[in-house]
Amino acid sequence: MHLVFAGTPEFAKVALQALVKAGHTIALVLTQPDRPAGRGLKLTPSPVKTAALEVGAPVLQPRSLRLDGKYPDEAAQAHEALRAARADAMIVAAYGLILPQAVLDIPRLGCLNIHASLLPRWRGAAPIQRAIEAGDARTGITIMQMDAGLDTGDMLLEGALPIEAGQTAGELHDRLAVLGGELIVGALARLEEGGLPATPQPAEGVTYAAKLDKAEAALDCSRPAAELARRILAFNPVPGATVRLPGLADPVKVWRAEALDEASRASPGSIVRAGAAGVDLATGQGVLRLTELQKAGGKRQPADVFVRGWNPDLS
């Protein structure tokens, strides 16, 4: 097929590469503008832009697609380019811009979204993290026919994956990215054959995956240990969960932890014990064992290494 692709991060790059490998023509790529990154804050292209340039696909980076928004000239240029592309379909994956109805109407077959959840559960910006945080047993990918709502369009194809015990958001992201690439290639093949019925999303079971906020990173030790352990996994690698420990001026990032089946009378947030096995914190319900930590300005360390360099006063 003759396609337009709109996406920005690594998740979307995997899908773009799968489409190219499957033999589809990428007539145009839309992605977010280059952003400052790294210690030098050097302007850095998105993973999708890098992948598009590698295959010679033309790239546009409008700051908005709304003709009545803050950047109408950029939006108008993008609309013109979309019409000129004469695409059969537009594939959208974690693009980061709202697509107005005028854009949705341009491709012959409309716009297909690769969404990282089993809709209607976890509509919105952070479905991978929220699924882990909630303790879901499984998640997946939904290929959706986009409409003007927030992830409300008809479902075309879906595939499920189990969320494995101890799996971080980063690890689940990588598995879902591969599945997303496979499903969008399969969906387009069935569309070409005329055999991909659209199913409206059920009204029951709708949940929203709110965008991650850095303010959520600080662990509230009054919450149950099991809930905190899931949050740590959900926030690995971004934004990274944090906790304050005695003797350290700055919060410590926590990358891995486990909830112990153990009661504690200590006040939430206090240290129960610290050793090679981990740093054990009292919580509102149970004990949370921190097993991989990182001091401000330091490197990730297993608990035994971290504790040797910490020397806390636990008296």
Protein backbone atom coordinates (compact mmCIF):
# COMPACT_ATOMS: atom_id res chain seq x y z
CA MET A 1 0.00 0.00 0.00
CA HIS A 2 0.85 3.66 -0.40
CA LEU A 3 1.06 4.97 3.18
CA VAL A 4 1.60 8.00 5.35
CA PHE A 5 3.12 7.23 8.76
CA ALA A 6 2.79 9.43 11.84
CA GLY A 7 4.74 8.59 14.98
CA THR A 8 7.59 9.72 17.18
CA PRO A 9 9.22 7.39 19.77
CA GLU A 10 10.86 3.97 19.62
CA PHE A 11 7.48 2.20 19.82
CA ALA A 12 6.46 3.86 16.54
CA LYS A 13 9.85 3.30 14.90
CA VAL A 14 9.44 -0.47 15.23
CA ALA A 15 6.10 -0.28 13.40
CA LEU A 16 7.53 1.92 10.64
CA GLN A 17 10.38 -0.53 10.06
CA ALA A 18 7.92 -3.44 9.95
CA LEU A 19 5.86 -1.66 7.28
CA VAL A 20 8.94 -0.95 5.18
CA LYS A 21 10.11 -4.57 5.53
CA ALA A 22 6.66 -5.77 4.41
CA GLY A 23 7.05 -3.83 1.16
CA HIS A 24 4.72 -0.90 1.76
CA THR A 25 5.56 2.45 0.20
CA ILE A 26 6.02 5.23 2.74
CA ALA A 27 5.01 8.38 0.88
CA LEU A 28 5.35 10.73 3.86
CA VAL A 29 6.33 10.61 7.53
CA LEU A 30 5.01 12.99 10.19
CA THR A 31 6.89 13.19 13.48
CA GLN A 32 7.45 15.60 16.35
CA PRO A 33 10.04 18.40 15.98
CA ASP A 34 13.61 17.70 17.07
CA ARG A 35 14.01 18.13 20.84
CA PRO A 36 16.99 19.05 23.06
CA ALA A 37 18.43 15.89 24.61
CA GLY A 38 21.46 14.74 26.58
CA ARG A 39 23.76 16.73 28.80
CA GLY A 40 24.56 19.17 26.04
CA LEU A 41 20.84 19.61 25.19
CA LYS A 42 21.68 19.11 21.53
CA LEU A 43 18.68 19.09 19.18
CA THR A 44 17.99 15.41 18.54
CA PRO A 45 15.67 13.86 15.93
CA SER A 46 12.98 11.42 17.02
CA PRO A 47 13.57 7.69 16.48
CA VAL A 48 10.92 7.77 13.74
CA LYS A 49 12.64 10.61 11.90
CA THR A 50 15.95 8.76 12.01
CA ALA A 51 14.35 5.59 10.64
CA ALA A 52 12.48 7.52 7.93
CA LEU A 53 15.63 9.23 6.69
CA GLU A 54 17.41 5.88 6.56
CA VAL A 55 14.89 4.65 3.97
CA GLY A 56 14.64 7.95 2.11
CA ALA A 57 11.10 8.81 3.16
CA PRO A 58 10.18 12.51 3.19
CA VAL A 59 9.66 13.91 6.70
CA LEU A 60 7.49 16.75 8.01
CA GLN A 61 7.62 17.99 11.61
CA PRO A 62 4.71 20.38 12.17
CA ARG A 63 4.09 21.61 15.69
CA SER A 64 0.35 21.32 15.12
CA LEU A 65 -2.13 19.96 12.59
CA ARG A 66 -4.91 22.32 13.63
CA LEU A 67 -5.64 25.00 11.05
CA ASP A 68 -7.19 27.12 13.81
CA GLY A 69 -4.35 26.53 16.28
CA LYS A 70 -1.12 28.32 17.23
CA TYR A 71 0.75 27.26 14.08
CA PRO A 72 -1.74 27.51 11.20
CA ASP A 73 0.95 27.90 8.52
CA GLU A 74 2.69 24.68 9.58
CA ALA A 75 -0.65 22.90 9.78
CA ALA A 76 -1.67 24.10 6.31
CA GLN A 77 1.65 22.89 4.86
CA ALA A 78 1.12 19.48 6.44
CA HIS A 79 -2.48 19.24 5.14
CA GLU A 80 -1.27 20.06 1.64
CA ALA A 81 1.48 17.44 1.85
CA LEU A 82 -1.01 14.83 3.08
CA ARG A 83 -3.34 15.50 0.18
CA ALA A 84 -0.44 15.39 -2.29
CA ALA A 85 0.71 12.03 -0.90
CA ARG A 86 -2.54 10.39 -2.09
CA ALA A 87 -2.12 7.69 0.53
CA ASP A 88 -4.32 4.64 0.83
CA ALA A 89 -4.08 4.91 4.61
CA MET A 90 -2.30 6.80 7.37
CA ILE A 91 -0.74 4.72 10.14
CA VAL A 92 -0.48 6.44 13.52
CA ALA A 93 1.57 5.22 16.48
CA ALA A 94 2.40 7.37 19.52
CA TYR A 95 2.56 10.50 17.36
CA GLY A 96 1.86 13.03 20.10
CA LEU A 97 -0.35 15.45 18.13
CA ILE A 98 -4.14 15.53 17.88
CA LEU A 99 -5.41 14.68 14.41
CA PRO A 100 -8.38 16.90 13.49
CA GLN A 101 -11.23 15.46 11.45
CA ALA A 102 -9.94 17.19 8.32
CA VAL A 103 -6.76 15.08 8.55
CA LEU A 104 -8.61 11.86 9.38
CA ASP A 105 -10.65 12.29 6.20
CA ILE A 106 -7.71 12.65 3.79
CA PRO A 107 -6.48 9.04 3.26
CA ARG A 108 -8.69 6.77 1.17
CA LEU A 109 -9.01 4.20 3.98
CA GLY A 110 -8.73 6.69 6.81
CA CYS A 111 -6.25 6.59 9.70
CA LEU A 112 -5.32 3.44 11.59
CA ASN A 113 -3.89 3.69 15.11
CA ILE A 114 -1.59 1.18 16.83
CA HIS A 115 -2.68 1.44 20.46
CA ALA A 116 -0.80 -0.36 23.26
CA SER A 117 -3.75 -1.80 25.17
CA LEU A 118 -6.77 -4.03 24.73
CA LEU A 119 -9.38 -1.35 24.18
CA PRO A 120 -11.54 -0.02 25.68
CA ARG A 121 -9.28 -0.57 28.71
CA TRP A 122 -6.55 2.04 29.02
CA ARG A 123 -7.45 4.62 26.45
CA GLY A 124 -5.02 7.53 26.62
CA ALA A 125 -1.36 8.42 26.88
CA ALA A 126 0.26 5.82 29.16
CA PRO A 127 -1.46 2.45 28.69
CA ILE A 128 1.64 0.30 29.23
CA GLN A 129 2.53 1.87 32.56
CA ARG A 130 -1.03 1.99 33.86
CA ALA A 131 -1.63 -1.68 33.05
CA ILE A 132 1.39 -2.71 35.13
CA GLU A 133 0.53 -0.28 37.92
CA ALA A 134 -3.00 -1.68 38.14
CA GLY A 135 -1.75 -5.27 38.34
CA ASP A 136 -3.38 -6.38 35.07
CA ALA A 137 -2.62 -9.96 34.10
CA ARG A 138 -2.51 -9.19 30.39
CA THR A 139 -2.47 -6.38 27.87
CA GLY A 140 -1.90 -6.13 24.15
CA ILE A 141 -2.26 -4.14 20.95
CA THR A 142 -5.43 -2.85 19.30
CA ILE A 143 -5.43 -1.70 15.69
CA MET A 144 -8.15 0.94 15.64
CA GLN A 145 -9.90 2.99 12.97
CA MET A 146 -9.35 6.51 14.27
CA ASP A 147 -12.16 8.96 14.87
CA ALA A 148 -12.20 12.38 16.51
CA GLY A 149 -12.44 10.94 20.05
CA LEU A 150 -9.66 9.85 22.42
CA ASP A 151 -8.98 6.25 21.36
CA THR A 152 -12.70 5.68 20.79
CA GLY A 153 -12.66 4.38 17.22
CA ASP A 154 -13.80 0.98 15.97
CA MET A 155 -11.46 -1.97 16.59
CA LEU A 156 -10.05 -3.74 13.55
CA LEU A 157 -7.59 -6.25 15.02
CA GLU A 158 -6.10 -7.07 18.41
CA GLY A 159 -3.47 -9.28 19.95
CA ALA A 160 -2.90 -10.04 23.63
CA LEU A 161 0.22 -10.63 25.73
CA PRO A 162 0.55 -11.76 29.36
CA ILE A 163 2.18 -9.27 31.72
CA GLU A 164 4.87 -11.38 33.31
CA ALA A 165 5.76 -11.16 37.00
CA GLY A 166 8.49 -8.60 37.61
CA GLN A 167 8.27 -7.15 34.09
CA THR A 168 9.11 -3.46 33.80
CA ALA A 169 7.31 -0.98 31.57
CA GLY A 170 10.41 -0.81 29.39
CA GLU A 171 10.46 -4.57 28.89
CA LEU A 172 6.74 -4.75 28.18
CA HIS A 173 7.06 -1.77 25.80
CA ASP A 174 9.57 -3.66 23.69
CA ARG A 175 7.35 -6.74 23.43
CA LEU A 176 4.31 -4.65 22.52
CA ALA A 177 6.26 -2.66 19.93
CA VAL A 178 7.11 -5.86 18.07
CA LEU A 179 3.51 -7.09 18.33
CA GLY A 180 2.26 -3.73 17.07
CA GLY A 181 4.44 -4.00 13.99
CA GLU A 182 3.21 -7.50 13.29
CA LEU A 183 -0.45 -6.59 13.73
CA ILE A 184 -0.42 -3.47 11.55
CA VAL A 185 1.21 -5.42 8.73
CA GLY A 186 -1.43 -8.12 9.14
CA ALA A 187 -4.25 -5.59 9.29
CA LEU A 188 -3.18 -3.94 6.05
CA ALA A 189 -2.90 -7.30 4.31
CA ARG A 190 -6.48 -8.13 5.31
CA LEU A 191 -7.68 -4.66 4.30
CA GLU A 192 -6.22 -5.18 0.83
CA GLU A 193 -8.19 -8.41 0.63
CA GLY A 194 -11.33 -6.63 1.83
CA GLY A 195 -11.72 -8.79 4.93
CA LEU A 196 -11.23 -6.68 8.05
CA PRO A 197 -14.56 -5.89 9.76
CA ALA A 198 -14.74 -3.01 12.23
CA THR A 199 -16.09 -3.69 15.72
CA PRO A 200 -17.38 -0.82 17.87
CA GLN A 201 -15.77 -0.64 21.29
CA PRO A 202 -18.00 -1.90 24.11
CA ALA A 203 -19.41 0.70 26.49
CA GLU A 204 -18.37 -1.41 29.49
CA GLY A 205 -14.80 -1.63 30.75
CA VAL A 206 -13.61 1.82 29.67
CA THR A 207 -10.60 3.11 31.63
CA TYR A 208 -8.22 5.99 30.95
CA ALA A 209 -4.43 5.87 31.15
CA ALA A 210 -3.47 9.33 32.36
CA LYS A 211 -0.20 10.79 31.15
CA LEU A 212 2.70 10.14 33.52
CA ASP A 213 3.49 13.02 35.85
CA LYS A 214 6.91 13.45 37.47
CA ALA A 215 5.10 14.23 40.72
CA GLU A 216 3.96 10.59 40.79
CA ALA A 217 7.55 9.37 41.00
CA ALA A 218 7.85 9.88 44.78
CA LEU A 219 6.68 6.72 46.54
CA ASP A 220 4.01 7.17 49.18
CA CYS A 221 5.00 4.57 51.76
CA SER A 222 1.61 4.76 53.44
CA ARG A 223 0.33 2.71 50.48
CA PRO A 224 0.49 -1.14 50.46
CA ALA A 225 3.83 -2.73 49.55
CA ALA A 226 2.33 -4.68 46.63
CA GLU A 227 0.97 -1.48 45.07
CA LEU A 228 4.32 0.27 45.46
CA ALA A 229 6.20 -2.65 43.90
CA ARG A 230 3.94 -2.45 40.83
CA ARG A 231 4.43 1.30 40.59
CA ILE A 232 8.21 0.87 40.63
CA LEU A 233 7.97 -1.56 37.71
CA ALA A 234 5.53 0.71 35.88
CA PHE A 235 7.85 3.72 36.21
CA ASN A 236 10.95 1.86 35.01
CA PRO A 237 12.58 3.42 33.00
CA VAL A 238 10.51 6.65 32.92
CA PRO A 239 10.10 8.64 35.10
CA GLY A 240 11.69 6.35 37.68
CA ALA A 241 10.22 5.90 41.16
CA THR A 242 11.99 7.68 44.05
CA VAL A 243 12.22 7.36 47.81
CA ARG A 244 14.02 9.24 50.55
CA LEU A 245 16.48 7.27 52.69
CA PRO A 246 18.21 8.39 55.91
CA GLY A 247 21.65 9.92 55.47
CA LEU A 248 21.10 10.95 51.85
CA ALA A 249 20.17 14.52 50.96
CA ASP A 250 18.56 13.69 47.62
CA PRO A 251 15.86 11.16 46.74
CA VAL A 252 17.06 7.75 45.58
CA LYS A 253 15.68 6.17 42.42
CA VAL A 254 14.28 2.68 42.83
CA TRP A 255 14.35 0.48 39.76
CA ARG A 256 13.29 -2.88 41.15
CA ALA A 257 11.55 -4.03 44.32
CA GLU A 258 9.34 -6.76 45.69
CA ALA A 259 6.58 -6.90 48.26
CA LEU A 260 7.37 -9.24 51.15
CA ASP A 261 4.70 -11.32 52.84
CA GLU A 262 5.65 -9.84 56.16
CA ALA A 263 3.94 -7.53 58.63
CA SER A 264 5.73 -4.64 60.30
CA ARG A 265 4.80 -2.37 63.19
CA ALA A 266 7.32 0.27 62.08
CA SER A 267 5.99 3.56 60.76
CA PRO A 268 5.61 3.72 56.96
CA GLY A 269 8.82 4.81 55.24
CA SER A 270 11.14 3.68 58.02
CA ILE A 271 13.90 1.13 57.43
CA VAL A 272 13.13 -2.34 58.75
CA ARG A 273 16.52 -3.75 57.72
CA ALA A 274 19.20 -3.19 55.10
CA GLY A 275 21.56 -5.84 53.78
CA ALA A 276 22.72 -7.80 50.76
CA ALA A 277 19.17 -8.96 49.99
CA GLY A 278 17.76 -5.45 49.84
CA VAL A 279 16.63 -2.35 51.67
CA ASP A 280 13.40 -3.22 53.47
CA LEU A 281 10.91 -0.40 54.03
CA ALA A 282 7.84 -0.45 56.21
CA THR A 283 4.70 0.51 54.29
CA GLY A 284 1.03 0.98 55.02
CA GLN A 285 0.59 -2.74 54.47
CA GLY A 286 3.54 -5.11 54.43
CA VAL A 287 7.24 -4.61 53.76
CA LEU A 288 8.74 -3.37 50.49
CA ARG A 289 12.19 -4.73 49.61
CA LEU A 290 14.20 -2.42 47.32
CA THR A 291 16.58 -4.54 45.25
CA GLU A 292 18.00 -2.10 42.66
CA LEU A 293 18.69 1.53 43.55
CA GLN A 294 20.48 4.61 42.25
CA LYS A 295 21.83 7.56 44.20
CA ALA A 296 21.50 11.03 42.66
CA GLY A 297 24.31 11.43 40.13
CA GLY A 298 25.30 7.77 40.45
CA LYS A 299 24.70 4.52 38.61
CA ARG A 300 22.13 1.82 39.10
CA GLN A 301 23.32 -0.66 41.71
CA PRO A 302 22.09 -3.95 43.12
CA ALA A 303 21.10 -3.65 46.77
CA ASP A 304 24.25 -5.28 48.18
CA VAL A 305 26.51 -2.78 46.40
CA PHE A 306 24.25 0.14 47.27
CA VAL A 307 24.12 -0.74 50.98
CA ARG A 308 27.92 -1.06 51.24
CA GLY A 309 28.31 2.50 49.97
CA TRP A 310 25.44 3.91 51.97
CA ASN A 311 26.33 3.19 55.62
CA PRO A 312 23.00 4.31 57.07
CA ASP A 313 22.50 5.04 60.74
CA LEU A 314 19.57 2.79 61.56
CA SER A 315 19.74 3.21 65.31
